[in-house]
Amino acid sequence: QTDPKAIEKEAREQLRYAKPGEVIYVAPERPQAEAKSTKK
């Protein structure tokens, strides 16, 4: 609500916003069955 840096960080992480000239790399998500088996 108050910190512009926190707002920018959240927007960059969740909405995948980038500054001009930046490149965003997104790792593929693990399948649900594999994710559940590794959490146990």
PDB file of all heavy atoms in Angstrom:
ATOM      1  N   GLN A   1       0.811  -1.215   0.000  1.00  0.00           N
ATOM      2  CA  GLN A   1       0.000   0.000   0.000  1.00  0.00           C
ATOM      3  C   GLN A   1       0.847   1.268   0.000  1.00  0.00           C
ATOM      4  O   GLN A   1       0.391   2.310  -0.445  1.00  0.00           O
ATOM      5  CB  GLN A   1      -0.934   0.013   1.225  1.00  0.00           C
ATOM      6  CG  GLN A   1      -2.035  -1.013   1.137  1.00  0.00           C
ATOM      7  CD  GLN A   1      -2.836  -1.106   2.414  1.00  0.00           C
ATOM      8  OE1 GLN A   1      -2.414  -0.665   3.478  1.00  0.00           O
ATOM      9  NE2 GLN A   1      -4.024  -1.696   2.317  1.00  0.00           N
ATOM     10  N   THR A   2       2.092   1.174   0.503  1.00  0.00           N
ATOM     11  CA  THR A   2       2.864   2.401   0.682  1.00  0.00           C
ATOM     12  C   THR A   2       4.206   2.421  -0.044  1.00  0.00           C
ATOM     13  O   THR A   2       4.686   3.489  -0.405  1.00  0.00           O
ATOM     14  CB  THR A   2       3.132   2.634   2.185  1.00  0.00           C
ATOM     15  OG1 THR A   2       3.835   1.510   2.712  1.00  0.00           O
ATOM     16  CG2 THR A   2       1.833   2.814   2.946  1.00  0.00           C
ATOM     17  N   ASP A   3       4.832   1.290  -0.245  1.00  0.00           N
ATOM     18  CA  ASP A   3       6.198   1.251  -0.765  1.00  0.00           C
ATOM     19  C   ASP A   3       6.196   0.989  -2.271  1.00  0.00           C
ATOM     20  O   ASP A   3       5.803  -0.089  -2.721  1.00  0.00           O
ATOM     21  CB  ASP A   3       6.975   0.151  -0.043  1.00  0.00           C
ATOM     22  CG  ASP A   3       8.453   0.139  -0.414  1.00  0.00           C
ATOM     23  OD1 ASP A   3       8.919   1.112  -1.033  1.00  0.00           O
ATOM     24  OD2 ASP A   3       9.125  -0.856  -0.063  1.00  0.00           O
ATOM     25  N   PRO A   4       6.643   1.951  -3.078  1.00  0.00           N
ATOM     26  CA  PRO A   4       6.670   1.750  -4.522  1.00  0.00           C
ATOM     27  C   PRO A   4       7.581   0.591  -4.956  1.00  0.00           C
ATOM     28  O   PRO A   4       7.282  -0.105  -5.926  1.00  0.00           O
ATOM     29  CB  PRO A   4       7.203   3.074  -5.068  1.00  0.00           C
ATOM     30  CG  PRO A   4       7.067   4.058  -3.974  1.00  0.00           C
ATOM     31  CD  PRO A   4       7.052   3.302  -2.703  1.00  0.00           C
ATOM     32  N   LYS A   5       8.662   0.354  -4.231  1.00  0.00           N
ATOM     33  CA  LYS A   5       9.557  -0.744  -4.592  1.00  0.00           C
ATOM     34  C   LYS A   5       8.868  -2.095  -4.388  1.00  0.00           C
ATOM     35  O   LYS A   5       9.052  -3.013  -5.182  1.00  0.00           O
ATOM     36  CB  LYS A   5      10.844  -0.678  -3.784  1.00  0.00           C
ATOM     37  CG  LYS A   5      11.741   0.469  -4.182  1.00  0.00           C
ATOM     38  CD  LYS A   5      13.026   0.440  -3.402  1.00  0.00           C
ATOM     39  CE  LYS A   5      13.913   1.618  -3.825  1.00  0.00           C
ATOM     40  NZ  LYS A   5      15.189   1.621  -3.122  1.00  0.00           N
ATOM     41  N   ALA A   6       8.083  -2.217  -3.325  1.00  0.00           N
ATOM     42  CA  ALA A   6       7.356  -3.472  -3.074  1.00  0.00           C
ATOM     43  C   ALA A   6       6.300  -3.693  -4.154  1.00  0.00           C
ATOM     44  O   ALA A   6       6.099  -4.820  -4.614  1.00  0.00           O
ATOM     45  CB  ALA A   6       6.705  -3.448  -1.694  1.00  0.00           C
ATOM     46  N   ILE A   7       5.646  -2.616  -4.570  1.00  0.00           N
ATOM     47  CA  ILE A   7       4.642  -2.719  -5.632  1.00  0.00           C
ATOM     48  C   ILE A   7       5.306  -3.156  -6.932  1.00  0.00           C
ATOM     49  O   ILE A   7       4.810  -4.038  -7.641  1.00  0.00           O
ATOM     50  CB  ILE A   7       3.907  -1.372  -5.814  1.00  0.00           C
ATOM     51  CG1 ILE A   7       3.122  -1.038  -4.550  1.00  0.00           C
ATOM     52  CG2 ILE A   7       2.990  -1.413  -7.021  1.00  0.00           C
ATOM     53  CD1 ILE A   7       2.584   0.364  -4.506  1.00  0.00           C
ATOM     54  N   GLU A   8       6.446  -2.550  -7.242  1.00  0.00           N
ATOM     55  CA  GLU A   8       7.165  -2.915  -8.465  1.00  0.00           C
ATOM     56  C   GLU A   8       7.617  -4.374  -8.419  1.00  0.00           C
ATOM     57  O   GLU A   8       7.464  -5.112  -9.392  1.00  0.00           O
ATOM     58  CB  GLU A   8       8.397  -2.009  -8.633  1.00  0.00           C
ATOM     59  CG  GLU A   8       9.217  -2.352  -9.856  1.00  0.00           C
ATOM     60  CD  GLU A   8      10.493  -1.531  -9.950  1.00  0.00           C
ATOM     61  OE1 GLU A   8      10.691  -0.597  -9.149  1.00  0.00           O
ATOM     62  OE2 GLU A   8      11.312  -1.867 -10.828  1.00  0.00           O
ATOM     63  N   LYS A   9       8.141  -4.801  -7.281  1.00  0.00           N
ATOM     64  CA  LYS A   9       8.604  -6.185  -7.147  1.00  0.00           C
ATOM     65  C   LYS A   9       7.446  -7.155  -7.355  1.00  0.00           C
ATOM     66  O   LYS A   9       7.581  -8.156  -8.067  1.00  0.00           O
ATOM     67  CB  LYS A   9       9.207  -6.391  -5.757  1.00  0.00           C
ATOM     68  CG  LYS A   9       9.703  -7.796  -5.501  1.00  0.00           C
ATOM     69  CD  LYS A   9      10.286  -7.896  -4.087  1.00  0.00           C
ATOM     70  CE  LYS A   9      10.816  -9.269  -3.817  1.00  0.00           C
ATOM     71  NZ  LYS A   9       9.831 -10.193  -3.284  1.00  0.00           N
ATOM     72  N   GLU A  10       6.308  -6.878  -6.757  1.00  0.00           N
ATOM     73  CA  GLU A  10       5.149  -7.762  -6.893  1.00  0.00           C
ATOM     74  C   GLU A  10       4.663  -7.788  -8.346  1.00  0.00           C
ATOM     75  O   GLU A  10       4.319  -8.853  -8.870  1.00  0.00           O
ATOM     76  CB  GLU A  10       4.029  -7.294  -5.956  1.00  0.00           C
ATOM     77  CG  GLU A  10       2.984  -8.312  -5.690  1.00  0.00           C
ATOM     78  CD  GLU A  10       3.482  -9.472  -4.838  1.00  0.00           C
ATOM     79  OE1 GLU A  10       4.437  -9.328  -4.062  1.00  0.00           O
ATOM     80  OE2 GLU A  10       2.896 -10.558  -4.976  1.00  0.00           O
ATOM     81  N   ALA A  11       4.634  -6.639  -8.992  1.00  0.00           N
ATOM     82  CA  ALA A  11       4.189  -6.580 -10.386  1.00  0.00           C
ATOM     83  C   ALA A  11       5.154  -7.347 -11.290  1.00  0.00           C
ATOM     84  O   ALA A  11       4.723  -8.054 -12.203  1.00  0.00           O
ATOM     85  CB  ALA A  11       4.087  -5.125 -10.837  1.00  0.00           C
ATOM     86  N   ARG A  12       6.433  -7.238 -10.999  1.00  0.00           N
ATOM     87  CA  ARG A  12       7.412  -7.943 -11.829  1.00  0.00           C
ATOM     88  C   ARG A  12       7.304  -9.450 -11.639  1.00  0.00           C
ATOM     89  O   ARG A  12       7.441 -10.216 -12.594  1.00  0.00           O
ATOM     90  CB  ARG A  12       8.830  -7.479 -11.485  1.00  0.00           C
ATOM     91  CG  ARG A  12       9.130  -6.068 -12.027  1.00  0.00           C
ATOM     92  CD  ARG A  12      10.255  -5.388 -11.305  1.00  0.00           C
ATOM     93  NE  ARG A  12      11.603  -5.275 -11.780  1.00  0.00           N
ATOM     94  CZ  ARG A  12      12.098  -5.356 -12.993  1.00  0.00           C
ATOM     95  NH1 ARG A  12      11.337  -5.656 -13.986  1.00  0.00           N
ATOM     96  NH2 ARG A  12      13.365  -5.162 -13.253  1.00  0.00           N
ATOM     97  N   GLU A  13       7.032  -9.887 -10.428  1.00  0.00           N
ATOM     98  CA  GLU A  13       6.949 -11.329 -10.165  1.00  0.00           C
ATOM     99  C   GLU A  13       5.646 -11.929 -10.680  1.00  0.00           C
ATOM    100  O   GLU A  13       5.659 -12.953 -11.360  1.00  0.00           O
ATOM    101  CB  GLU A  13       7.080 -11.603  -8.665  1.00  0.00           C
ATOM    102  CG  GLU A  13       8.489 -11.400  -8.139  1.00  0.00           C
ATOM    103  CD  GLU A  13       8.582 -11.615  -6.639  1.00  0.00           C
ATOM    104  OE1 GLU A  13       7.560 -11.942  -5.998  1.00  0.00           O
ATOM    105  OE2 GLU A  13       9.688 -11.442  -6.104  1.00  0.00           O
ATOM    106  N   GLN A  14       4.526 -11.303 -10.353  1.00  0.00           N
ATOM    107  CA  GLN A  14       3.234 -11.915 -10.685  1.00  0.00           C
ATOM    108  C   GLN A  14       2.781 -11.630 -12.117  1.00  0.00           C
ATOM    109  O   GLN A  14       2.239 -12.501 -12.783  1.00  0.00           O
ATOM    110  CB  GLN A  14       2.161 -11.459  -9.700  1.00  0.00           C
ATOM    111  CG  GLN A  14       2.361 -12.076  -8.337  1.00  0.00           C
ATOM    112  CD  GLN A  14       1.154 -11.877  -7.449  1.00  0.00           C
ATOM    113  OE1 GLN A  14       0.108 -11.429  -7.889  1.00  0.00           O
ATOM    114  NE2 GLN A  14       1.304 -12.225  -6.191  1.00  0.00           N
ATOM    115  N   LEU A  15       3.006 -10.391 -12.562  1.00  0.00           N
ATOM    116  CA  LEU A  15       2.527 -10.019 -13.890  1.00  0.00           C
ATOM    117  C   LEU A  15       3.621 -10.123 -14.944  1.00  0.00           C
ATOM    118  O   LEU A  15       3.372  -9.867 -16.121  1.00  0.00           O
ATOM    119  CB  LEU A  15       1.961  -8.597 -13.850  1.00  0.00           C
ATOM    120  CG  LEU A  15       0.827  -8.385 -12.839  1.00  0.00           C
ATOM    121  CD1 LEU A  15       0.430  -6.919 -12.801  1.00  0.00           C
ATOM    122  CD2 LEU A  15      -0.363  -9.255 -13.164  1.00  0.00           C
ATOM    123  N   ARG A  16       4.802 -10.459 -14.512  1.00  0.00           N
ATOM    124  CA  ARG A  16       5.964 -10.617 -15.387  1.00  0.00           C
ATOM    125  C   ARG A  16       6.256  -9.344 -16.196  1.00  0.00           C
ATOM    126  O   ARG A  16       6.513  -9.389 -17.387  1.00  0.00           O
ATOM    127  CB  ARG A  16       5.783 -11.818 -16.314  1.00  0.00           C
ATOM    128  CG  ARG A  16       5.687 -13.122 -15.538  1.00  0.00           C
ATOM    129  CD  ARG A  16       5.633 -14.310 -16.460  1.00  0.00           C
ATOM    130  NE  ARG A  16       5.617 -15.524 -15.665  1.00  0.00           N
ATOM    131  CZ  ARG A  16       4.595 -16.367 -15.642  1.00  0.00           C
ATOM    132  NH1 ARG A  16       3.523 -16.144 -16.359  1.00  0.00           N
ATOM    133  NH2 ARG A  16       4.645 -17.439 -14.888  1.00  0.00           N
ATOM    134  N   TYR A  17       6.143  -8.239 -15.480  1.00  0.00           N
ATOM    135  CA  TYR A  17       6.488  -6.968 -16.114  1.00  0.00           C
ATOM    136  C   TYR A  17       8.006  -6.863 -16.195  1.00  0.00           C
ATOM    137  O   TYR A  17       8.722  -7.366 -15.357  1.00  0.00           O
ATOM    138  CB  TYR A  17       5.950  -5.795 -15.310  1.00  0.00           C
ATOM    139  CG  TYR A  17       4.484  -5.523 -15.492  1.00  0.00           C
ATOM    140  CD1 TYR A  17       3.680  -6.328 -16.280  1.00  0.00           C
ATOM    141  CD2 TYR A  17       3.892  -4.432 -14.887  1.00  0.00           C
ATOM    142  CE1 TYR A  17       2.334  -6.072 -16.440  1.00  0.00           C
ATOM    143  CE2 TYR A  17       2.538  -4.170 -15.041  1.00  0.00           C
ATOM    144  CZ  TYR A  17       1.775  -4.999 -15.817  1.00  0.00           C
ATOM    145  OH  TYR A  17       0.441  -4.738 -15.969  1.00  0.00           O
ATOM    146  N   ALA A  18       8.475  -6.161 -17.229  1.00  0.00           N
ATOM    147  CA  ALA A  18       9.909  -5.975 -17.404  1.00  0.00           C
ATOM    148  C   ALA A  18      10.179  -4.526 -17.763  1.00  0.00           C
ATOM    149  O   ALA A  18       9.348  -3.845 -18.358  1.00  0.00           O
ATOM    150  CB  ALA A  18      10.433  -6.888 -18.499  1.00  0.00           C
ATOM    151  N   LYS A  19      11.336  -4.086 -17.390  1.00  0.00           N
ATOM    152  CA  LYS A  19      11.772  -2.753 -17.779  1.00  0.00           C
ATOM    153  C   LYS A  19      12.262  -2.837 -19.221  1.00  0.00           C
ATOM    154  O   LYS A  19      12.621  -3.911 -19.705  1.00  0.00           O
ATOM    155  CB  LYS A  19      12.908  -2.279 -16.869  1.00  0.00           C
ATOM    156  CG  LYS A  19      12.465  -1.999 -15.451  1.00  0.00           C
ATOM    157  CD  LYS A  19      13.641  -1.497 -14.629  1.00  0.00           C
ATOM    158  CE  LYS A  19      13.211  -1.213 -13.203  1.00  0.00           C
ATOM    159  NZ  LYS A  19      14.322  -0.746 -12.378  1.00  0.00           N
ATOM    160  N   PRO A  20      12.283  -1.721 -19.925  1.00  0.00           N
ATOM    161  CA  PRO A  20      12.771  -1.744 -21.306  1.00  0.00           C
ATOM    162  C   PRO A  20      14.196  -2.299 -21.366  1.00  0.00           C
ATOM    163  O   PRO A  20      15.055  -1.934 -20.585  1.00  0.00           O
ATOM    164  CB  PRO A  20      12.733  -0.276 -21.733  1.00  0.00           C
ATOM    165  CG  PRO A  20      11.723   0.359 -20.832  1.00  0.00           C
ATOM    166  CD  PRO A  20      11.789  -0.399 -19.546  1.00  0.00           C
ATOM    167  N   GLY A  21      14.415  -3.241 -22.259  1.00  0.00           N
ATOM    168  CA  GLY A  21      15.722  -3.843 -22.431  1.00  0.00           C
ATOM    169  C   GLY A  21      15.932  -5.100 -21.598  1.00  0.00           C
ATOM    170  O   GLY A  21      16.913  -5.801 -21.779  1.00  0.00           O
ATOM    171  N   GLU A  22      15.016  -5.401 -20.684  1.00  0.00           N
ATOM    172  CA  GLU A  22      15.150  -6.616 -19.871  1.00  0.00           C
ATOM    173  C   GLU A  22      14.503  -7.798 -20.579  1.00  0.00           C
ATOM    174  O   GLU A  22      13.563  -7.635 -21.343  1.00  0.00           O
ATOM    175  CB  GLU A  22      14.458  -6.455 -18.507  1.00  0.00           C
ATOM    176  CG  GLU A  22      15.192  -5.558 -17.545  1.00  0.00           C
ATOM    177  CD  GLU A  22      14.510  -5.532 -16.190  1.00  0.00           C
ATOM    178  OE1 GLU A  22      13.302  -5.806 -16.081  1.00  0.00           O
ATOM    179  OE2 GLU A  22      15.206  -5.213 -15.224  1.00  0.00           O
ATOM    180  N   VAL A  23      15.009  -8.978 -20.283  1.00  0.00           N
ATOM    181  CA  VAL A  23      14.428 -10.211 -20.810  1.00  0.00           C
ATOM    182  C   VAL A  23      14.021 -11.063 -19.615  1.00  0.00           C
ATOM    183  O   VAL A  23      14.795 -11.253 -18.683  1.00  0.00           O
ATOM    184  CB  VAL A  23      15.449 -10.980 -21.683  1.00  0.00           C
ATOM    185  CG1 VAL A  23      14.849 -12.290 -22.165  1.00  0.00           C
ATOM    186  CG2 VAL A  23      15.896 -10.118 -22.843  1.00  0.00           C
ATOM    187  N   ILE A  24      12.799 -11.579 -19.651  1.00  0.00           N
ATOM    188  CA  ILE A  24      12.307 -12.411 -18.555  1.00  0.00           C
ATOM    189  C   ILE A  24      12.374 -13.866 -18.977  1.00  0.00           C
ATOM    190  O   ILE A  24      11.866 -14.237 -20.033  1.00  0.00           O
ATOM    191  CB  ILE A  24      10.861 -12.034 -18.182  1.00  0.00           C
ATOM    192  CG1 ILE A  24      10.816 -10.599 -17.672  1.00  0.00           C
ATOM    193  CG2 ILE A  24      10.306 -12.994 -17.159  1.00  0.00           C
ATOM    194  CD1 ILE A  24       9.432 -10.123 -17.335  1.00  0.00           C
ATOM    195  N   TYR A  25      13.007 -14.665 -18.149  1.00  0.00           N
ATOM    196  CA  TYR A  25      13.061 -16.101 -18.364  1.00  0.00           C
ATOM    197  C   TYR A  25      12.112 -16.765 -17.373  1.00  0.00           C
ATOM    198  O   TYR A  25      12.169 -16.495 -16.175  1.00  0.00           O
ATOM    199  CB  TYR A  25      14.479 -16.650 -18.150  1.00  0.00           C
ATOM    200  CG  TYR A  25      15.464 -16.142 -19.164  1.00  0.00           C
ATOM    201  CD1 TYR A  25      16.300 -15.068 -18.884  1.00  0.00           C
ATOM    202  CD2 TYR A  25      15.541 -16.738 -20.412  1.00  0.00           C
ATOM    203  CE1 TYR A  25      17.201 -14.600 -19.816  1.00  0.00           C
ATOM    204  CE2 TYR A  25      16.442 -16.274 -21.351  1.00  0.00           C
ATOM    205  CZ  TYR A  25      17.266 -15.211 -21.049  1.00  0.00           C
ATOM    206  OH  TYR A  25      18.157 -14.750 -21.977  1.00  0.00           O
ATOM    207  N   VAL A  26      11.254 -17.631 -17.870  1.00  0.00           N
ATOM    208  CA  VAL A  26      10.292 -18.317 -17.020  1.00  0.00           C
ATOM    209  C   VAL A  26      10.561 -19.807 -17.098  1.00  0.00           C
ATOM    210  O   VAL A  26      10.560 -20.392 -18.181  1.00  0.00           O
ATOM    211  CB  VAL A  26       8.841 -18.023 -17.465  1.00  0.00           C
ATOM    212  CG1 VAL A  26       7.853 -18.754 -16.580  1.00  0.00           C
ATOM    213  CG2 VAL A  26       8.580 -16.526 -17.458  1.00  0.00           C
ATOM    214  N   ALA A  27      10.795 -20.408 -15.951  1.00  0.00           N
ATOM    215  CA  ALA A  27      11.023 -21.855 -15.906  1.00  0.00           C
ATOM    216  C   ALA A  27       9.672 -22.558 -15.993  1.00  0.00           C
ATOM    217  O   ALA A  27       8.681 -22.086 -15.431  1.00  0.00           O
ATOM    218  CB  ALA A  27      11.726 -22.239 -14.609  1.00  0.00           C
ATOM    219  N   PRO A  28       9.610 -23.672 -16.709  1.00  0.00           N
ATOM    220  CA  PRO A  28       8.335 -24.386 -16.806  1.00  0.00           C
ATOM    221  C   PRO A  28       7.935 -24.939 -15.436  1.00  0.00           C
ATOM    222  O   PRO A  28       8.783 -25.321 -14.636  1.00  0.00           O
ATOM    223  CB  PRO A  28       8.615 -25.517 -17.793  1.00  0.00           C
ATOM    224  CG  PRO A  28      10.088 -25.687 -17.776  1.00  0.00           C
ATOM    225  CD  PRO A  28      10.670 -24.348 -17.436  1.00  0.00           C
ATOM    226  N   GLU A  29       6.627 -24.961 -15.178  1.00  0.00           N
ATOM    227  CA  GLU A  29       6.130 -25.485 -13.914  1.00  0.00           C
ATOM    228  C   GLU A  29       6.191 -26.998 -13.930  1.00  0.00           C
ATOM    229  O   GLU A  29       5.997 -27.625 -14.969  1.00  0.00           O
ATOM    230  CB  GLU A  29       4.699 -25.017 -13.682  1.00  0.00           C
ATOM    231  CG  GLU A  29       4.590 -23.527 -13.469  1.00  0.00           C
ATOM    232  CD  GLU A  29       3.175 -23.114 -13.124  1.00  0.00           C
ATOM    233  OE1 GLU A  29       2.379 -23.981 -12.713  1.00  0.00           O
ATOM    234  OE2 GLU A  29       2.875 -21.928 -13.262  1.00  0.00           O
ATOM    235  N   ARG A  30       6.448 -27.561 -12.772  1.00  0.00           N
ATOM    236  CA  ARG A  30       6.493 -29.015 -12.665  1.00  0.00           C
ATOM    237  C   ARG A  30       5.072 -29.564 -12.691  1.00  0.00           C
ATOM    238  O   ARG A  30       4.140 -28.922 -12.206  1.00  0.00           O
ATOM    239  CB  ARG A  30       7.161 -29.426 -11.353  1.00  0.00           C
ATOM    240  CG  ARG A  30       8.609 -28.998 -11.319  1.00  0.00           C
ATOM    241  CD  ARG A  30       9.378 -29.596 -10.187  1.00  0.00           C
ATOM    242  NE  ARG A  30       8.659 -29.644  -8.920  1.00  0.00           N
ATOM    243  CZ  ARG A  30       9.239 -29.704  -7.740  1.00  0.00           C
ATOM    244  NH1 ARG A  30      10.549 -29.713  -7.668  1.00  0.00           N
ATOM    245  NH2 ARG A  30       8.553 -29.778  -6.645  1.00  0.00           N
ATOM    246  N   PRO A  31       4.885 -30.748 -13.256  1.00  0.00           N
ATOM    247  CA  PRO A  31       3.554 -31.361 -13.241  1.00  0.00           C
ATOM    248  C   PRO A  31       3.072 -31.579 -11.808  1.00  0.00           C
ATOM    249  O   PRO A  31       3.870 -31.757 -10.898  1.00  0.00           O
ATOM    250  CB  PRO A  31       3.752 -32.703 -13.951  1.00  0.00           C
ATOM    251  CG  PRO A  31       5.029 -32.558 -14.702  1.00  0.00           C
ATOM    252  CD  PRO A  31       5.843 -31.553 -13.982  1.00  0.00           C
ATOM    253  N   GLN A  32       1.756 -31.589 -11.604  1.00  0.00           N
ATOM    254  CA  GLN A  32       1.176 -31.702 -10.266  1.00  0.00           C
ATOM    255  C   GLN A  32       1.581 -32.993  -9.562  1.00  0.00           C
ATOM    256  O   GLN A  32       1.874 -32.989  -8.387  1.00  0.00           O
ATOM    257  CB  GLN A  32      -0.356 -31.623 -10.355  1.00  0.00           C
ATOM    258  CG  GLN A  32      -0.873 -30.247 -10.754  1.00  0.00           C
ATOM    259  CD  GLN A  32      -0.565 -29.209  -9.688  1.00  0.00           C
ATOM    260  OE1 GLN A  32      -0.466 -29.496  -8.515  1.00  0.00           O
ATOM    261  NE2 GLN A  32      -0.389 -27.961 -10.122  1.00  0.00           N
ATOM    262  N   ALA A  33       1.596 -34.111 -10.246  1.00  0.00           N
ATOM    263  CA  ALA A  33       1.935 -35.393  -9.627  1.00  0.00           C
ATOM    264  C   ALA A  33       3.369 -35.372  -9.123  1.00  0.00           C
ATOM    265  O   ALA A  33       3.676 -35.838  -8.031  1.00  0.00           O
ATOM    266  CB  ALA A  33       1.745 -36.547 -10.605  1.00  0.00           C
ATOM    267  N   GLU A  34       4.267 -34.804  -9.893  1.00  0.00           N
ATOM    268  CA  GLU A  34       5.673 -34.726  -9.478  1.00  0.00           C
ATOM    269  C   GLU A  34       5.839 -33.761  -8.328  1.00  0.00           C
ATOM    270  O   GLU A  34       6.593 -34.016  -7.395  1.00  0.00           O
ATOM    271  CB  GLU A  34       6.526 -34.280 -10.670  1.00  0.00           C
ATOM    272  CG  GLU A  34       8.015 -34.236 -10.365  1.00  0.00           C
ATOM    273  CD  GLU A  34       8.832 -33.745 -11.547  1.00  0.00           C
ATOM    274  OE1 GLU A  34       8.479 -34.089 -12.688  1.00  0.00           O
ATOM    275  OE2 GLU A  34       9.805 -33.013 -11.299  1.00  0.00           O
ATOM    276  N   ALA A  35       5.127 -32.642  -8.344  1.00  0.00           N
ATOM    277  CA  ALA A  35       5.229 -31.656  -7.267  1.00  0.00           C
ATOM    278  C   ALA A  35       4.735 -32.241  -5.952  1.00  0.00           C
ATOM    279  O   ALA A  35       5.310 -32.005  -4.902  1.00  0.00           O
ATOM    280  CB  ALA A  35       4.433 -30.409  -7.633  1.00  0.00           C
ATOM    281  N   LYS A  36       3.653 -33.029  -5.992  1.00  0.00           N
ATOM    282  CA  LYS A  36       3.130 -33.624  -4.764  1.00  0.00           C
ATOM    283  C   LYS A  36       4.063 -34.672  -4.210  1.00  0.00           C
ATOM    284  O   LYS A  36       4.241 -34.791  -3.003  1.00  0.00           O
ATOM    285  CB  LYS A  36       1.754 -34.242  -5.020  1.00  0.00           C
ATOM    286  CG  LYS A  36       0.664 -33.213  -5.217  1.00  0.00           C
ATOM    287  CD  LYS A  36      -0.668 -33.885  -5.459  1.00  0.00           C
ATOM    288  CE  LYS A  36      -1.754 -32.856  -5.719  1.00  0.00           C
ATOM    289  NZ  LYS A  36      -3.034 -33.489  -5.990  1.00  0.00           N
ATOM    290  N   SER A  37       4.688 -35.461  -5.064  1.00  0.00           N
ATOM    291  CA  SER A  37       5.567 -36.535  -4.587  1.00  0.00           C
ATOM    292  C   SER A  37       6.842 -35.986  -3.963  1.00  0.00           C
ATOM    293  O   SER A  37       7.410 -36.589  -3.069  1.00  0.00           O
ATOM    294  CB  SER A  37       5.895 -37.516  -5.711  1.00  0.00           C
ATOM    295  OG  SER A  37       6.657 -36.849  -6.711  1.00  0.00           O
ATOM    296  N   THR A  38       7.319 -34.824  -4.406  1.00  0.00           N
ATOM    297  CA  THR A  38       8.540 -34.269  -3.851  1.00  0.00           C
ATOM    298  C   THR A  38       8.288 -33.527  -2.548  1.00  0.00           C
ATOM    299  O   THR A  38       9.192 -33.331  -1.765  1.00  0.00           O
ATOM    300  CB  THR A  38       9.225 -33.315  -4.851  1.00  0.00           C
ATOM    301  OG1 THR A  38       8.317 -32.282  -5.199  1.00  0.00           O
ATOM    302  CG2 THR A  38       9.710 -34.060  -6.066  1.00  0.00           C
ATOM    303  N   LYS A  39       7.051 -33.120  -2.279  1.00  0.00           N
ATOM    304  CA  LYS A  39       6.737 -32.410  -1.043  1.00  0.00           C
ATOM    305  C   LYS A  39       6.669 -33.357   0.141  1.00  0.00           C
ATOM    306  O   LYS A  39       6.850 -32.958   1.262  1.00  0.00           O
ATOM    307  CB  LYS A  39       5.405 -31.666  -1.167  1.00  0.00           C
ATOM    308  CG  LYS A  39       5.497 -30.446  -2.041  1.00  0.00           C
ATOM    309  CD  LYS A  39       4.191 -29.699  -2.069  1.00  0.00           C
ATOM    310  CE  LYS A  39       4.263 -28.485  -2.950  1.00  0.00           C
ATOM    311  NZ  LYS A  39       2.996 -27.764  -3.008  1.00  0.00           N
ATOM    312  N   LYS A  40       6.382 -34.606  -0.068  1.00  0.00           N
ATOM    313  CA  LYS A  40       6.227 -35.555   1.057  1.00  0.00           C
ATOM    314  C   LYS A  40       7.511 -35.888   1.638  1.00  0.00           C
ATOM    315  O   LYS A  40       8.425 -35.760   1.961  1.00  0.00           O
ATOM    316  CB  LYS A  40       5.543 -36.841   0.597  1.00  0.00           C
ATOM    317  CG  LYS A  40       4.110 -36.594   0.252  1.00  0.00           C
ATOM    318  CD  LYS A  40       3.453 -37.875  -0.164  1.00  0.00           C
ATOM    319  CE  LYS A  40       2.021 -37.625  -0.562  1.00  0.00           C
ATOM    320  NZ  LYS A  40       1.339 -38.791  -1.004  1.00  0.00           N
TER     321      LYS A  40
END
